[in-house]
Amino acid sequence: MPEADKEGKDYFLDIPTKEEGFFVKGSNALDWGMKNRLSRIFNPDSGRTVMLAIDHGYFQGPTTGLERIDVTILPLAPYADTLMLTRGILRTTIPPSFQGGIVLRASGGPSVLKELSNEEIAVDMEDAVRLNVAALAVQVFIGGEYETKSINNMTRLVDMGTRYGIPILAVTAVGKDMKRDARYFRLACRICAELGAHYVKTYYISDGFDTVAASCPVPLVMAGGRKIPELDALTMSYRAVQEGAAGVDMGRNIFQSEAPEAMIQAVRGVVHNNLKPKQAYELFLELKNKGKKKTTKGRKKK
């Protein structure tokens, strides 16, 4: 038996026990493991996240900019707080040394050739545990043909995620015939949160986005959507976080940019440092030009 230490004497009776609330909106009552995983997604210093979405291939194949993820995306990964992807890409392409959070696409089924809302749960929770993911993402088609089915997918994942300590991201999907306005997004985001999603990904709208964020009791992350000019994408990101978003989940507006590495750093400046759009765009141009100079030097050496 080891020798017992003497009984302690200094109990710091003059210092009250410190109990801090968790920094992620609506998550204070969650288990420790769930909070720890959310801390891999949301930066504890800013309370926000820059997610890099590269899961487009799960329904539309090799998307422009994602033809070779090992070539185009891995250089961007160090600048992302989180990668949002499929387990196939995670296992085949992402180095296990990646230190950011992994948000795993958990729903799927139909391709772009079919009705997209007819999805199923496509990942077993035990496989998600094996992959050590920070969260699972599920598409929710409010107003879609298979609305109830997609909501059921989400609630089943919430139940399983609660059992294993894995947060669930609900991704609001907007069909071609749905009106993208504040009323719709308040409805969609609130339904997802009410039924247990730990955070929600949704689109930015110029009129009323602040009411969407305010009426959702869990964090909102802005979806990047279709490719738009860099300044416009940075402006949209700035407005979203200033109006209540807890970060952005961008894909095409980063990996389809004329300078993806510069763009993701500019987005980080907006999200984590509150850079205004013009400042962020200037940073983008500066980094873009530096990248061109490095490429030119490399070619000369060869």
C-alpha atoms as a PDB file:
ATOM      1  CA  MET A   1       0.000   0.000   0.000  1.00  0.00           C
ATOM      2  CA  PRO A   2       1.346   3.489  -0.802  1.00  0.00           C
ATOM      3  CA  GLU A   3       1.938   5.839   2.092  1.00  0.00           C
ATOM      4  CA  ALA A   4      -1.099   8.041   2.713  1.00  0.00           C
ATOM      5  CA  ASP A   5      -0.682  11.805   2.327  1.00  0.00           C
ATOM      6  CA  LYS A   6      -1.524  14.108   5.198  1.00  0.00           C
ATOM      7  CA  GLU A   7      -5.032  15.469   5.265  1.00  0.00           C
ATOM      8  CA  GLY A   8      -5.453  18.648   3.228  1.00  0.00           C
ATOM      9  CA  LYS A   9      -5.615  21.992   4.997  1.00  0.00           C
ATOM     10  CA  ASP A  10      -6.215  24.691   2.400  1.00  0.00           C
ATOM     11  CA  TYR A  11      -9.838  24.643   1.251  1.00  0.00           C
ATOM     12  CA  PHE A  12      -9.925  28.255  -0.043  1.00  0.00           C
ATOM     13  CA  LEU A  13     -12.964  29.044   2.092  1.00  0.00           C
ATOM     14  CA  ASP A  14     -12.825  32.695   1.033  1.00  0.00           C
ATOM     15  CA  ILE A  15     -13.270  31.840  -2.674  1.00  0.00           C
ATOM     16  CA  PRO A  16     -16.797  30.889  -3.788  1.00  0.00           C
ATOM     17  CA  THR A  17     -17.148  27.912  -6.104  1.00  0.00           C
ATOM     18  CA  LYS A  18     -17.212  29.153  -9.680  1.00  0.00           C
ATOM     19  CA  GLU A  19     -20.075  27.865 -11.811  1.00  0.00           C
ATOM     20  CA  GLU A  20     -20.105  29.134 -15.360  1.00  0.00           C
ATOM     21  CA  GLY A  21     -22.965  28.852 -17.798  1.00  0.00           C
ATOM     22  CA  PHE A  22     -22.116  27.127 -21.086  1.00  0.00           C
ATOM     23  CA  PHE A  23     -21.398  29.582 -23.887  1.00  0.00           C
ATOM     24  CA  VAL A  24     -23.520  27.948 -26.622  1.00  0.00           C
ATOM     25  CA  LYS A  25     -27.097  29.244 -26.771  1.00  0.00           C
ATOM     26  CA  GLY A  26     -29.709  26.891 -25.344  1.00  0.00           C
ATOM     27  CA  SER A  27     -27.153  24.252 -24.324  1.00  0.00           C
ATOM     28  CA  ASN A  28     -26.591  24.863 -20.620  1.00  0.00           C
ATOM     29  CA  ALA A  29     -28.534  21.784 -19.490  1.00  0.00           C
ATOM     30  CA  LEU A  30     -26.790  19.336 -21.831  1.00  0.00           C
ATOM     31  CA  ASP A  31     -24.427  16.591 -20.658  1.00  0.00           C
ATOM     32  CA  TRP A  32     -20.693  17.225 -20.467  1.00  0.00           C
ATOM     33  CA  GLY A  33     -19.908  15.130 -23.544  1.00  0.00           C
ATOM     34  CA  MET A  34     -22.484  16.979 -25.635  1.00  0.00           C
ATOM     35  CA  LYS A  35     -21.045  20.338 -24.542  1.00  0.00           C
ATOM     36  CA  ASN A  36     -17.519  19.172 -25.258  1.00  0.00           C
ATOM     37  CA  ARG A  37     -18.516  18.227 -28.795  1.00  0.00           C
ATOM     38  CA  LEU A  38     -20.251  21.574 -29.316  1.00  0.00           C
ATOM     39  CA  SER A  39     -17.009  23.223 -28.186  1.00  0.00           C
ATOM     40  CA  ARG A  40     -15.306  21.545 -31.140  1.00  0.00           C
ATOM     41  CA  ILE A  41     -17.792  23.271 -33.436  1.00  0.00           C
ATOM     42  CA  PHE A  42     -18.195  26.708 -31.840  1.00  0.00           C
ATOM     43  CA  ASN A  43     -15.088  28.679 -30.909  1.00  0.00           C
ATOM     44  CA  PRO A  44     -15.211  29.303 -27.129  1.00  0.00           C
ATOM     45  CA  ASP A  45     -13.603  32.739 -27.557  1.00  0.00           C
ATOM     46  CA  SER A  46     -16.072  34.153 -30.093  1.00  0.00           C
ATOM     47  CA  GLY A  47     -18.974  31.744 -29.555  1.00  0.00           C
ATOM     48  CA  ARG A  48     -19.141  31.346 -33.345  1.00  0.00           C
ATOM     49  CA  THR A  49     -18.103  28.869 -36.004  1.00  0.00           C
ATOM     50  CA  VAL A  50     -16.786  28.763 -39.547  1.00  0.00           C
ATOM     51  CA  MET A  51     -18.006  25.486 -40.983  1.00  0.00           C
ATOM     52  CA  LEU A  52     -16.713  24.362 -44.368  1.00  0.00           C
ATOM     53  CA  ALA A  53     -19.430  22.390 -46.138  1.00  0.00           C
ATOM     54  CA  ILE A  54     -18.086  19.796 -48.574  1.00  0.00           C
ATOM     55  CA  ASP A  55     -20.915  17.234 -48.446  1.00  0.00           C
ATOM     56  CA  HIS A  56     -22.535  18.214 -51.763  1.00  0.00           C
ATOM     57  CA  GLY A  57     -21.503  14.966 -53.442  1.00  0.00           C
ATOM     58  CA  TYR A  58     -23.911  12.910 -51.353  1.00  0.00           C
ATOM     59  CA  PHE A  59     -26.736  13.865 -53.716  1.00  0.00           C
ATOM     60  CA  GLN A  60     -25.118  15.566 -56.734  1.00  0.00           C
ATOM     61  CA  GLY A  61     -21.833  13.740 -57.276  1.00  0.00           C
ATOM     62  CA  PRO A  62     -18.470  15.469 -57.961  1.00  0.00           C
ATOM     63  CA  THR A  63     -19.486  19.095 -57.634  1.00  0.00           C
ATOM     64  CA  THR A  64     -17.319  21.819 -59.213  1.00  0.00           C
ATOM     65  CA  GLY A  65     -14.497  22.466 -56.764  1.00  0.00           C
ATOM     66  CA  LEU A  66     -14.927  19.096 -55.053  1.00  0.00           C
ATOM     67  CA  GLU A  67     -13.680  16.847 -57.853  1.00  0.00           C
ATOM     68  CA  ARG A  68     -10.475  16.156 -55.886  1.00  0.00           C
ATOM     69  CA  ILE A  69     -11.018  16.953 -52.229  1.00  0.00           C
ATOM     70  CA  ASP A  70      -7.464  15.894 -51.403  1.00  0.00           C
ATOM     71  CA  VAL A  71      -6.165  18.615 -53.723  1.00  0.00           C
ATOM     72  CA  THR A  72      -8.661  21.459 -53.299  1.00  0.00           C
ATOM     73  CA  ILE A  73     -10.039  21.108 -49.774  1.00  0.00           C
ATOM     74  CA  LEU A  74      -7.238  19.822 -47.533  1.00  0.00           C
ATOM     75  CA  PRO A  75      -5.291  23.115 -47.840  1.00  0.00           C
ATOM     76  CA  LEU A  76      -8.405  24.918 -46.524  1.00  0.00           C
ATOM     77  CA  ALA A  77      -9.072  22.569 -43.603  1.00  0.00           C
ATOM     78  CA  PRO A  78      -6.724  24.283 -41.097  1.00  0.00           C
ATOM     79  CA  TYR A  79      -8.790  27.479 -41.405  1.00  0.00           C
ATOM     80  CA  ALA A  80     -12.123  25.773 -40.718  1.00  0.00           C
ATOM     81  CA  ASP A  81     -13.480  25.287 -37.209  1.00  0.00           C
ATOM     82  CA  THR A  82     -15.519  22.400 -38.566  1.00  0.00           C
ATOM     83  CA  LEU A  83     -15.764  20.276 -41.695  1.00  0.00           C
ATOM     84  CA  MET A  84     -19.239  19.161 -42.761  1.00  0.00           C
ATOM     85  CA  LEU A  85     -18.913  16.027 -44.875  1.00  0.00           C
ATOM     86  CA  THR A  86     -19.875  12.401 -45.440  1.00  0.00           C
ATOM     87  CA  ARG A  87     -18.301   9.382 -43.794  1.00  0.00           C
ATOM     88  CA  GLY A  88     -16.973   8.211 -47.158  1.00  0.00           C
ATOM     89  CA  ILE A  89     -14.914  11.371 -47.615  1.00  0.00           C
ATOM     90  CA  LEU A  90     -13.900  11.395 -43.947  1.00  0.00           C
ATOM     91  CA  ARG A  91     -12.509   7.874 -44.085  1.00  0.00           C
ATOM     92  CA  THR A  92     -10.867   8.116 -47.495  1.00  0.00           C
ATOM     93  CA  THR A  93      -9.514  11.646 -47.599  1.00  0.00           C
ATOM     94  CA  ILE A  94      -9.354  13.576 -44.296  1.00  0.00           C
ATOM     95  CA  PRO A  95      -6.176  12.981 -42.235  1.00  0.00           C
ATOM     96  CA  PRO A  96      -6.863  11.695 -38.703  1.00  0.00           C
ATOM     97  CA  SER A  97      -4.569  14.484 -37.487  1.00  0.00           C
ATOM     98  CA  PHE A  98      -7.243  17.083 -38.341  1.00  0.00           C
ATOM     99  CA  GLN A  99      -8.002  18.878 -35.079  1.00  0.00           C
ATOM    100  CA  GLY A 100     -11.260  20.632 -35.960  1.00  0.00           C
ATOM    101  CA  GLY A 101     -14.759  19.356 -35.393  1.00  0.00           C
ATOM    102  CA  ILE A 102     -16.398  16.907 -37.786  1.00  0.00           C
ATOM    103  CA  VAL A 103     -20.081  17.322 -38.611  1.00  0.00           C
ATOM    104  CA  LEU A 104     -21.162  14.159 -40.361  1.00  0.00           C
ATOM    105  CA  ARG A 105     -23.925  14.092 -42.951  1.00  0.00           C
ATOM    106  CA  ALA A 106     -26.385  11.548 -41.548  1.00  0.00           C
ATOM    107  CA  SER A 107     -29.284  11.693 -44.014  1.00  0.00           C
ATOM    108  CA  GLY A 108     -29.437  10.743 -47.663  1.00  0.00           C
ATOM    109  CA  GLY A 109     -30.962   8.540 -50.292  1.00  0.00           C
ATOM    110  CA  PRO A 110     -32.236  10.329 -53.397  1.00  0.00           C
ATOM    111  CA  SER A 111     -29.991  11.982 -55.958  1.00  0.00           C
ATOM    112  CA  VAL A 112     -30.673  15.158 -57.911  1.00  0.00           C
ATOM    113  CA  LEU A 113     -32.548  12.920 -60.353  1.00  0.00           C
ATOM    114  CA  LYS A 114     -35.275  12.189 -57.772  1.00  0.00           C
ATOM    115  CA  GLU A 115     -37.408  13.940 -55.124  1.00  0.00           C
ATOM    116  CA  LEU A 116     -34.781  15.176 -52.658  1.00  0.00           C
ATOM    117  CA  SER A 117     -37.087  15.307 -49.634  1.00  0.00           C
ATOM    118  CA  ASN A 118     -37.486  11.513 -49.657  1.00  0.00           C
ATOM    119  CA  GLU A 119     -34.459  10.938 -47.442  1.00  0.00           C
ATOM    120  CA  GLU A 120     -33.651   8.261 -44.869  1.00  0.00           C
ATOM    121  CA  ILE A 121     -31.210   8.129 -41.982  1.00  0.00           C
ATOM    122  CA  ALA A 122     -28.029   6.994 -43.712  1.00  0.00           C
ATOM    123  CA  VAL A 123     -25.559   6.585 -40.811  1.00  0.00           C
ATOM    124  CA  ASP A 124     -25.641   4.292 -37.796  1.00  0.00           C
ATOM    125  CA  MET A 125     -24.984   6.071 -34.509  1.00  0.00           C
ATOM    126  CA  GLU A 126     -22.329   3.564 -33.504  1.00  0.00           C
ATOM    127  CA  ASP A 127     -20.402   4.362 -36.673  1.00  0.00           C
ATOM    128  CA  ALA A 128     -20.600   8.056 -35.785  1.00  0.00           C
ATOM    129  CA  VAL A 129     -19.084   7.205 -32.389  1.00  0.00           C
ATOM    130  CA  ARG A 130     -16.319   5.203 -34.090  1.00  0.00           C
ATOM    131  CA  LEU A 131     -15.561   8.238 -36.238  1.00  0.00           C
ATOM    132  CA  ASN A 132     -15.457  10.505 -33.149  1.00  0.00           C
ATOM    133  CA  VAL A 133     -17.668  13.128 -34.782  1.00  0.00           C
ATOM    134  CA  ALA A 134     -18.686  16.385 -33.127  1.00  0.00           C
ATOM    135  CA  ALA A 135     -22.236  16.345 -34.525  1.00  0.00           C
ATOM    136  CA  LEU A 136     -24.558  14.731 -37.056  1.00  0.00           C
ATOM    137  CA  ALA A 137     -26.391  16.727 -39.732  1.00  0.00           C
ATOM    138  CA  VAL A 138     -29.839  15.860 -41.041  1.00  0.00           C
ATOM    139  CA  GLN A 139     -31.862  17.587 -43.756  1.00  0.00           C
ATOM    140  CA  VAL A 140     -35.345  18.783 -42.735  1.00  0.00           C
ATOM    141  CA  PHE A 141     -37.796  19.601 -45.523  1.00  0.00           C
ATOM    142  CA  ILE A 142     -40.451  21.828 -43.942  1.00  0.00           C
ATOM    143  CA  GLY A 143     -43.162  22.208 -46.565  1.00  0.00           C
ATOM    144  CA  GLY A 144     -41.653  19.502 -48.748  1.00  0.00           C
ATOM    145  CA  GLU A 145     -43.429  16.433 -50.074  1.00  0.00           C
ATOM    146  CA  TYR A 146     -41.850  14.218 -47.404  1.00  0.00           C
ATOM    147  CA  GLU A 147     -41.872  16.795 -44.598  1.00  0.00           C
ATOM    148  CA  THR A 148     -43.067  14.390 -41.878  1.00  0.00           C
ATOM    149  CA  LYS A 149     -40.551  11.739 -42.872  1.00  0.00           C
ATOM    150  CA  SER A 150     -37.652  14.191 -42.706  1.00  0.00           C
ATOM    151  CA  ILE A 151     -38.794  15.476 -39.307  1.00  0.00           C
ATOM    152  CA  ASN A 152     -39.019  11.886 -38.086  1.00  0.00           C
ATOM    153  CA  ASN A 153     -35.455  11.320 -39.302  1.00  0.00           C
ATOM    154  CA  MET A 154     -34.351  14.277 -37.208  1.00  0.00           C
ATOM    155  CA  THR A 155     -36.216  13.285 -34.036  1.00  0.00           C
ATOM    156  CA  ARG A 156     -34.873   9.724 -34.218  1.00  0.00           C
ATOM    157  CA  LEU A 157     -31.343  11.092 -34.514  1.00  0.00           C
ATOM    158  CA  VAL A 158     -31.966  13.444 -31.580  1.00  0.00           C
ATOM    159  CA  ASP A 159     -33.000  10.466 -29.446  1.00  0.00           C
ATOM    160  CA  MET A 160     -29.951   8.453 -30.464  1.00  0.00           C
ATOM    161  CA  GLY A 161     -27.670  11.465 -30.149  1.00  0.00           C
ATOM    162  CA  THR A 162     -28.890  12.071 -26.618  1.00  0.00           C
ATOM    163  CA  ARG A 163     -28.072   8.462 -25.760  1.00  0.00           C
ATOM    164  CA  TYR A 164     -24.523   8.752 -27.106  1.00  0.00           C
ATOM    165  CA  GLY A 165     -23.802  12.410 -26.354  1.00  0.00           C
ATOM    166  CA  ILE A 166     -23.703  13.599 -29.969  1.00  0.00           C
ATOM    167  CA  PRO A 167     -25.412  16.889 -30.986  1.00  0.00           C
ATOM    168  CA  ILE A 168     -27.721  17.041 -34.000  1.00  0.00           C
ATOM    169  CA  LEU A 169     -27.650  19.787 -36.631  1.00  0.00           C
ATOM    170  CA  ALA A 170     -30.947  20.313 -38.459  1.00  0.00           C
ATOM    171  CA  VAL A 171     -30.460  21.700 -41.966  1.00  0.00           C
ATOM    172  CA  THR A 172     -33.502  23.541 -43.280  1.00  0.00           C
ATOM    173  CA  ALA A 173     -34.050  22.716 -46.937  1.00  0.00           C
ATOM    174  CA  VAL A 174     -35.914  25.080 -49.210  1.00  0.00           C
ATOM    175  CA  GLY A 175     -37.560  23.637 -52.299  1.00  0.00           C
ATOM    176  CA  LYS A 176     -37.880  25.477 -55.602  1.00  0.00           C
ATOM    177  CA  ASP A 177     -41.520  26.404 -54.944  1.00  0.00           C
ATOM    178  CA  MET A 178     -41.055  27.606 -51.350  1.00  0.00           C
ATOM    179  CA  LYS A 179     -40.948  31.284 -50.540  1.00  0.00           C
ATOM    180  CA  ARG A 180     -37.715  32.310 -48.857  1.00  0.00           C
ATOM    181  CA  ASP A 181     -38.968  34.810 -46.325  1.00  0.00           C
ATOM    182  CA  ALA A 182     -38.764  35.397 -42.580  1.00  0.00           C
ATOM    183  CA  ARG A 183     -42.106  33.752 -41.922  1.00  0.00           C
ATOM    184  CA  TYR A 184     -41.005  30.496 -43.546  1.00  0.00           C
ATOM    185  CA  PHE A 185     -37.610  30.415 -41.833  1.00  0.00           C
ATOM    186  CA  ARG A 186     -39.091  31.270 -38.418  1.00  0.00           C
ATOM    187  CA  LEU A 187     -41.435  28.318 -38.902  1.00  0.00           C
ATOM    188  CA  ALA A 188     -38.760  25.890 -40.116  1.00  0.00           C
ATOM    189  CA  CYS A 189     -36.096  26.791 -37.568  1.00  0.00           C
ATOM    190  CA  ARG A 190     -38.470  26.871 -34.631  1.00  0.00           C
ATOM    191  CA  ILE A 191     -39.912  23.439 -35.509  1.00  0.00           C
ATOM    192  CA  CYS A 192     -36.404  21.956 -35.639  1.00  0.00           C
ATOM    193  CA  ALA A 193     -35.445  23.467 -32.279  1.00  0.00           C
ATOM    194  CA  GLU A 194     -38.735  22.549 -30.616  1.00  0.00           C
ATOM    195  CA  LEU A 195     -38.270  18.920 -31.644  1.00  0.00           C
ATOM    196  CA  GLY A 196     -34.770  18.700 -30.220  1.00  0.00           C
ATOM    197  CA  ALA A 197     -32.146  19.894 -32.723  1.00  0.00           C
ATOM    198  CA  HIS A 198     -29.120  21.310 -30.913  1.00  0.00           C
ATOM    199  CA  TYR A 199     -28.421  23.869 -33.617  1.00  0.00           C
ATOM    200  CA  VAL A 200     -29.911  24.779 -36.975  1.00  0.00           C
ATOM    201  CA  LYS A 201     -28.470  25.664 -40.362  1.00  0.00           C
ATOM    202  CA  THR A 202     -30.581  28.034 -42.429  1.00  0.00           C
ATOM    203  CA  TYR A 203     -30.379  30.637 -45.176  1.00  0.00           C
ATOM    204  CA  TYR A 204     -29.872  34.357 -44.770  1.00  0.00           C
ATOM    205  CA  ILE A 205     -32.607  36.769 -45.817  1.00  0.00           C
ATOM    206  CA  SER A 206     -32.163  40.530 -45.917  1.00  0.00           C
ATOM    207  CA  ASP A 207     -35.543  41.277 -44.346  1.00  0.00           C
ATOM    208  CA  GLY A 208     -36.235  39.766 -40.936  1.00  0.00           C
ATOM    209  CA  PHE A 209     -33.285  37.433 -40.365  1.00  0.00           C
ATOM    210  CA  ASP A 210     -32.873  38.897 -36.883  1.00  0.00           C
ATOM    211  CA  THR A 211     -36.389  37.691 -36.016  1.00  0.00           C
ATOM    212  CA  VAL A 212     -35.502  34.190 -37.239  1.00  0.00           C
ATOM    213  CA  ALA A 213     -32.441  34.115 -34.958  1.00  0.00           C
ATOM    214  CA  ALA A 214     -34.267  35.641 -31.999  1.00  0.00           C
ATOM    215  CA  SER A 215     -37.175  33.194 -32.167  1.00  0.00           C
ATOM    216  CA  CYS A 216     -34.932  30.128 -32.356  1.00  0.00           C
ATOM    217  CA  PRO A 217     -33.806  28.947 -28.872  1.00  0.00           C
ATOM    218  CA  VAL A 218     -30.667  27.234 -30.225  1.00  0.00           C
ATOM    219  CA  PRO A 219     -27.842  28.626 -32.382  1.00  0.00           C
ATOM    220  CA  LEU A 220     -28.429  29.398 -36.046  1.00  0.00           C
ATOM    221  CA  VAL A 221     -25.622  28.895 -38.553  1.00  0.00           C
ATOM    222  CA  MET A 222     -26.007  30.646 -41.890  1.00  0.00           C
ATOM    223  CA  ALA A 223     -25.905  28.488 -45.023  1.00  0.00           C
ATOM    224  CA  GLY A 224     -23.734  29.922 -47.781  1.00  0.00           C
ATOM    225  CA  GLY A 225     -25.971  28.848 -50.645  1.00  0.00           C
ATOM    226  CA  ARG A 226     -25.162  29.385 -54.305  1.00  0.00           C
ATOM    227  CA  LYS A 227     -21.925  31.012 -55.455  1.00  0.00           C
ATOM    228  CA  ILE A 228     -22.020  34.814 -55.431  1.00  0.00           C
ATOM    229  CA  PRO A 229     -19.226  37.427 -55.750  1.00  0.00           C
ATOM    230  CA  GLU A 230     -16.760  37.416 -52.855  1.00  0.00           C
ATOM    231  CA  LEU A 231     -17.700  40.855 -51.522  1.00  0.00           C
ATOM    232  CA  ASP A 232     -21.382  39.904 -51.564  1.00  0.00           C
ATOM    233  CA  ALA A 233     -20.663  36.658 -49.690  1.00  0.00           C
ATOM    234  CA  LEU A 234     -18.625  38.506 -47.058  1.00  0.00           C
ATOM    235  CA  THR A 235     -21.370  41.121 -46.717  1.00  0.00           C
ATOM    236  CA  MET A 236     -23.990  38.412 -46.267  1.00  0.00           C
ATOM    237  CA  SER A 237     -21.825  36.695 -43.624  1.00  0.00           C
ATOM    238  CA  TYR A 238     -21.311  39.966 -41.753  1.00  0.00           C
ATOM    239  CA  ARG A 239     -24.996  40.818 -41.716  1.00  0.00           C
ATOM    240  CA  ALA A 240     -25.918  37.312 -40.589  1.00  0.00           C
ATOM    241  CA  VAL A 241     -23.611  37.258 -37.558  1.00  0.00           C
ATOM    242  CA  GLN A 242     -24.484  40.845 -36.633  1.00  0.00           C
ATOM    243  CA  GLU A 243     -28.171  39.890 -36.743  1.00  0.00           C
ATOM    244  CA  GLY A 244     -27.787  36.864 -34.501  1.00  0.00           C
ATOM    245  CA  ALA A 245     -26.212  33.978 -36.413  1.00  0.00           C
ATOM    246  CA  ALA A 246     -23.641  31.935 -34.493  1.00  0.00           C
ATOM    247  CA  GLY A 247     -21.470  31.548 -37.565  1.00  0.00           C
ATOM    248  CA  VAL A 248     -21.591  30.406 -41.166  1.00  0.00           C
ATOM    249  CA  ASP A 249     -21.488  27.092 -43.011  1.00  0.00           C
ATOM    250  CA  MET A 250     -20.057  27.925 -46.415  1.00  0.00           C
ATOM    251  CA  GLY A 251     -19.204  25.637 -49.261  1.00  0.00           C
ATOM    252  CA  ARG A 252     -19.428  26.953 -52.814  1.00  0.00           C
ATOM    253  CA  ASN A 253     -18.668  30.528 -51.772  1.00  0.00           C
ATOM    254  CA  ILE A 254     -15.331  29.251 -50.495  1.00  0.00           C
ATOM    255  CA  PHE A 255     -14.214  26.292 -52.622  1.00  0.00           C
ATOM    256  CA  GLN A 256     -15.548  27.851 -55.868  1.00  0.00           C
ATOM    257  CA  SER A 257     -13.911  31.202 -55.104  1.00  0.00           C
ATOM    258  CA  GLU A 258     -11.113  32.379 -57.379  1.00  0.00           C
ATOM    259  CA  ALA A 259      -8.867  32.188 -54.279  1.00  0.00           C
ATOM    260  CA  PRO A 260     -10.382  29.682 -51.806  1.00  0.00           C
ATOM    261  CA  GLU A 261      -7.634  29.870 -49.185  1.00  0.00           C
ATOM    262  CA  ALA A 262      -7.852  33.659 -49.096  1.00  0.00           C
ATOM    263  CA  MET A 263     -11.638  33.533 -48.988  1.00  0.00           C
ATOM    264  CA  ILE A 264     -11.928  31.218 -45.998  1.00  0.00           C
ATOM    265  CA  GLN A 265      -9.512  33.433 -44.049  1.00  0.00           C
ATOM    266  CA  ALA A 266     -11.565  36.507 -44.922  1.00  0.00           C
ATOM    267  CA  VAL A 267     -14.719  34.720 -43.751  1.00  0.00           C
ATOM    268  CA  ARG A 268     -12.959  33.876 -40.474  1.00  0.00           C
ATOM    269  CA  GLY A 269     -12.180  37.567 -40.055  1.00  0.00           C
ATOM    270  CA  VAL A 270     -15.854  38.440 -40.400  1.00  0.00           C
ATOM    271  CA  VAL A 271     -17.123  35.676 -38.116  1.00  0.00           C
ATOM    272  CA  HIS A 272     -14.539  35.690 -35.325  1.00  0.00           C
ATOM    273  CA  ASN A 273     -13.139  39.238 -35.470  1.00  0.00           C
ATOM    274  CA  ASN A 274     -16.189  41.219 -36.629  1.00  0.00           C
ATOM    275  CA  LEU A 275     -14.372  42.559 -39.685  1.00  0.00           C
ATOM    276  CA  LYS A 276     -16.677  44.690 -41.774  1.00  0.00           C
ATOM    277  CA  PRO A 277     -17.278  43.565 -45.357  1.00  0.00           C
ATOM    278  CA  LYS A 278     -14.923  46.091 -46.920  1.00  0.00           C
ATOM    279  CA  GLN A 279     -12.139  45.200 -44.470  1.00  0.00           C
ATOM    280  CA  ALA A 280     -12.663  41.489 -45.077  1.00  0.00           C
ATOM    281  CA  TYR A 281     -12.639  41.990 -48.845  1.00  0.00           C
ATOM    282  CA  GLU A 282      -9.384  43.931 -48.607  1.00  0.00           C
ATOM    283  CA  LEU A 283      -7.943  41.034 -46.588  1.00  0.00           C
ATOM    284  CA  PHE A 284      -9.166  38.648 -49.271  1.00  0.00           C
ATOM    285  CA  LEU A 285      -7.446  40.645 -52.039  1.00  0.00           C
ATOM    286  CA  GLU A 286      -4.224  40.918 -50.030  1.00  0.00           C
ATOM    287  CA  LEU A 287      -4.084  37.171 -49.353  1.00  0.00           C
ATOM    288  CA  LYS A 288      -5.084  36.391 -52.935  1.00  0.00           C
ATOM    289  CA  ASN A 289      -2.190  38.475 -54.275  1.00  0.00           C
ATOM    290  CA  LYS A 290       0.253  36.840 -51.855  1.00  0.00           C
ATOM    291  CA  GLY A 291      -0.922  33.460 -53.065  1.00  0.00           C
ATOM    292  CA  LYS A 292      -0.342  34.463 -56.695  1.00  0.00           C
ATOM    293  CA  LYS A 293       3.204  35.615 -55.864  1.00  0.00           C
ATOM    294  CA  LYS A 294       3.990  32.292 -54.160  1.00  0.00           C
ATOM    295  CA  THR A 295       2.668  30.373 -57.168  1.00  0.00           C
ATOM    296  CA  THR A 296       4.731  32.515 -59.568  1.00  0.00           C
ATOM    297  CA  LYS A 297       7.917  31.988 -57.513  1.00  0.00           C
ATOM    298  CA  GLY A 298       7.285  28.250 -57.406  1.00  0.00           C
ATOM    299  CA  ARG A 299       6.959  28.093 -61.189  1.00  0.00           C
ATOM    300  CA  LYS A 300      10.175  30.096 -61.699  1.00  0.00           C
ATOM    301  CA  LYS A 301      12.133  27.701 -59.473  1.00  0.00           C
ATOM    302  CA  LYS A 302      10.982  24.742 -61.548  1.00  0.00           C
END
